[in-house]
Amino acid sequence: MLKTMLAVATVGTMAIAMSTMVHAKDVSAQQAGVEYAREAVSKAEAVYVVNAQRLSETEKKYADVQKQLAEDKKQAELSKLALDQAKIKLDSAQLILDKAWKQQ
């Protein structure tokens, strides 16, 4: 009977020990999973920071280009007005010259 009790106790102890080992393996696996997830977050965050910085720089360049575009349009409009006025003066001067030639 003592042998049977010892055998049952030994089996019970082994079952507890195996349960603890299985639990330890589960915890270890979970820790590895968490560490893998942390690394993935760290990498994704680094990529995000780079892309967010690039976006910010591009938006600034875009705003600068828009300002330059507005200035260029303004200058083009002013030069067009100056060109039109110069053509009007040329046409007027040409008419006066043509009249002078006809009167000779």
C-alpha atoms as a PDB file:
ATOM      1  CA  MET A   1       0.000   0.000   0.000  1.00  0.00           C
ATOM      2  CA  LEU A   2       2.875   2.307   0.806  1.00  0.00           C
ATOM      3  CA  LYS A   3       4.333   1.579  -2.634  1.00  0.00           C
ATOM      4  CA  THR A   4       1.032   2.498  -4.236  1.00  0.00           C
ATOM      5  CA  MET A   5       0.808   5.691  -2.247  1.00  0.00           C
ATOM      6  CA  LEU A   6       4.384   6.570  -3.152  1.00  0.00           C
ATOM      7  CA  ALA A   7       3.667   5.801  -6.795  1.00  0.00           C
ATOM      8  CA  VAL A   8       0.537   8.003  -6.744  1.00  0.00           C
ATOM      9  CA  ALA A   9       2.453  10.751  -4.946  1.00  0.00           C
ATOM     10  CA  THR A  10       5.290  10.490  -7.460  1.00  0.00           C
ATOM     11  CA  VAL A  11       2.884  10.627 -10.394  1.00  0.00           C
ATOM     12  CA  GLY A  12       1.122  13.566  -8.794  1.00  0.00           C
ATOM     13  CA  THR A  13       4.415  15.373  -8.226  1.00  0.00           C
ATOM     14  CA  MET A  14       5.472  14.681 -11.797  1.00  0.00           C
ATOM     15  CA  ALA A  15       2.149  15.959 -13.092  1.00  0.00           C
ATOM     16  CA  ILE A  16       2.560  19.173 -11.111  1.00  0.00           C
ATOM     17  CA  ALA A  17       6.154  19.535 -12.280  1.00  0.00           C
ATOM     18  CA  MET A  18       5.150  18.937 -15.901  1.00  0.00           C
ATOM     19  CA  SER A  19       2.270  21.382 -15.523  1.00  0.00           C
ATOM     20  CA  THR A  20       4.717  23.967 -14.190  1.00  0.00           C
ATOM     21  CA  MET A  21       7.104  23.298 -17.078  1.00  0.00           C
ATOM     22  CA  VAL A  22       4.285  23.615 -19.619  1.00  0.00           C
ATOM     23  CA  HIS A  23       3.202  26.827 -17.931  1.00  0.00           C
ATOM     24  CA  ALA A  24       6.788  28.120 -17.983  1.00  0.00           C
ATOM     25  CA  LYS A  25       7.043  27.308 -21.694  1.00  0.00           C
ATOM     26  CA  ASP A  26       3.766  29.165 -22.319  1.00  0.00           C
ATOM     27  CA  VAL A  27       5.034  32.193 -20.405  1.00  0.00           C
ATOM     28  CA  SER A  28       8.327  32.060 -22.277  1.00  0.00           C
ATOM     29  CA  ALA A  29       6.491  31.847 -25.593  1.00  0.00           C
ATOM     30  CA  GLN A  30       4.269  34.757 -24.589  1.00  0.00           C
ATOM     31  CA  GLN A  31       7.318  36.799 -23.586  1.00  0.00           C
ATOM     32  CA  ALA A  32       8.910  36.087 -26.952  1.00  0.00           C
ATOM     33  CA  GLY A  33       5.686  37.129 -28.687  1.00  0.00           C
ATOM     34  CA  VAL A  34       5.563  40.373 -26.741  1.00  0.00           C
ATOM     35  CA  GLU A  35       9.213  41.120 -27.544  1.00  0.00           C
ATOM     36  CA  TYR A  36       8.577  40.433 -31.242  1.00  0.00           C
ATOM     37  CA  ALA A  37       5.573  42.766 -31.150  1.00  0.00           C
ATOM     38  CA  ARG A  38       7.656  45.464 -29.414  1.00  0.00           C
ATOM     39  CA  GLU A  39      10.294  45.211 -32.120  1.00  0.00           C
ATOM     40  CA  ALA A  40       7.615  45.472 -34.805  1.00  0.00           C
ATOM     41  CA  VAL A  41       6.193  48.588 -33.125  1.00  0.00           C
ATOM     42  CA  SER A  42       9.674  50.090 -32.842  1.00  0.00           C
ATOM     43  CA  LYS A  43      10.407  49.489 -36.531  1.00  0.00           C
ATOM     44  CA  ALA A  44       7.004  50.794 -37.615  1.00  0.00           C
ATOM     45  CA  GLU A  45       7.465  53.872 -35.447  1.00  0.00           C
ATOM     46  CA  ALA A  46      10.875  54.578 -37.004  1.00  0.00           C
ATOM     47  CA  VAL A  47       9.389  54.320 -40.507  1.00  0.00           C
ATOM     48  CA  TYR A  48       6.494  56.564 -39.481  1.00  0.00           C
ATOM     49  CA  VAL A  49       8.849  59.223 -38.072  1.00  0.00           C
ATOM     50  CA  VAL A  50      10.844  59.269 -41.319  1.00  0.00           C
ATOM     51  CA  ASN A  51       7.708  59.462 -43.468  1.00  0.00           C
ATOM     52  CA  ALA A  52       6.087  62.123 -41.276  1.00  0.00           C
ATOM     53  CA  GLN A  53       9.258  64.235 -41.492  1.00  0.00           C
ATOM     54  CA  ARG A  54       9.383  63.787 -45.262  1.00  0.00           C
ATOM     55  CA  LEU A  55       5.727  64.790 -45.502  1.00  0.00           C
ATOM     56  CA  SER A  56       6.351  67.894 -43.428  1.00  0.00           C
ATOM     57  CA  GLU A  57       9.301  68.897 -45.616  1.00  0.00           C
ATOM     58  CA  THR A  58       7.308  68.267 -48.795  1.00  0.00           C
ATOM     59  CA  GLU A  59       4.374  70.319 -47.510  1.00  0.00           C
ATOM     60  CA  LYS A  60       6.757  73.206 -46.748  1.00  0.00           C
ATOM     61  CA  LYS A  61       8.291  72.975 -50.227  1.00  0.00           C
ATOM     62  CA  TYR A  62       4.794  72.845 -51.728  1.00  0.00           C
ATOM     63  CA  ALA A  63       3.774  75.987 -49.817  1.00  0.00           C
ATOM     64  CA  ASP A  64       6.952  77.728 -51.010  1.00  0.00           C
ATOM     65  CA  VAL A  65       6.261  76.682 -54.597  1.00  0.00           C
ATOM     66  CA  GLN A  66       2.672  77.943 -54.327  1.00  0.00           C
ATOM     67  CA  LYS A  67       3.972  81.325 -53.114  1.00  0.00           C
ATOM     68  CA  GLN A  68       6.468  81.431 -55.961  1.00  0.00           C
ATOM     69  CA  LEU A  69       3.746  80.490 -58.438  1.00  0.00           C
ATOM     70  CA  ALA A  70       1.522  83.323 -57.198  1.00  0.00           C
ATOM     71  CA  GLU A  71       4.422  85.781 -57.480  1.00  0.00           C
ATOM     72  CA  ASP A  72       5.303  84.535 -60.979  1.00  0.00           C
ATOM     73  CA  LYS A  73       1.679  84.899 -62.104  1.00  0.00           C
ATOM     74  CA  LYS A  74       1.590  88.440 -60.750  1.00  0.00           C
ATOM     75  CA  GLN A  75       4.839  89.310 -62.537  1.00  0.00           C
ATOM     76  CA  ALA A  76       3.599  87.722 -65.776  1.00  0.00           C
ATOM     77  CA  GLU A  77       0.370  89.749 -65.601  1.00  0.00           C
ATOM     78  CA  LEU A  78       2.312  92.969 -64.965  1.00  0.00           C
ATOM     79  CA  SER A  79       4.702  92.259 -67.833  1.00  0.00           C
ATOM     80  CA  LYS A  80       1.740  91.469 -70.115  1.00  0.00           C
ATOM     81  CA  LEU A  81       0.233  94.848 -69.261  1.00  0.00           C
ATOM     82  CA  ALA A  82       3.571  96.537 -69.969  1.00  0.00           C
ATOM     83  CA  LEU A  83       3.825  94.657 -73.282  1.00  0.00           C
ATOM     84  CA  ASP A  84       0.303  95.680 -74.281  1.00  0.00           C
ATOM     85  CA  GLN A  85       1.052  99.326 -73.446  1.00  0.00           C
ATOM     86  CA  ALA A  86       4.316  99.191 -75.383  1.00  0.00           C
ATOM     87  CA  LYS A  87       2.471  97.782 -78.413  1.00  0.00           C
ATOM     88  CA  ILE A  88      -0.115 100.551 -78.187  1.00  0.00           C
ATOM     89  CA  LYS A  89       2.686 103.155 -78.120  1.00  0.00           C
ATOM     90  CA  LEU A  90       4.405 101.451 -81.059  1.00  0.00           C
ATOM     91  CA  ASP A  91       1.180 101.407 -83.081  1.00  0.00           C
ATOM     92  CA  SER A  92       0.642 105.089 -82.310  1.00  0.00           C
ATOM     93  CA  ALA A  93       4.216 105.992 -83.243  1.00  0.00           C
ATOM     94  CA  GLN A  94       3.942 103.940 -86.444  1.00  0.00           C
ATOM     95  CA  LEU A  95       0.736 105.775 -87.430  1.00  0.00           C
ATOM     96  CA  ILE A  96       2.402 109.144 -86.880  1.00  0.00           C
ATOM     97  CA  LEU A  97       5.413 108.008 -88.955  1.00  0.00           C
ATOM     98  CA  ASP A  98       3.162 106.708 -91.728  1.00  0.00           C
ATOM     99  CA  LYS A  99       1.324 110.070 -91.849  1.00  0.00           C
ATOM    100  CA  ALA A 100       4.629 111.922 -91.995  1.00  0.00           C
ATOM    101  CA  TRP A 101       5.768 109.806 -94.952  1.00  0.00           C
ATOM    102  CA  LYS A 102       2.477 110.376 -96.770  1.00  0.00           C
ATOM    103  CA  GLN A 103       2.721 114.132 -96.342  1.00  0.00           C
ATOM    104  CA  GLN A 104       6.093 114.374 -98.048  1.00  0.00           C
END
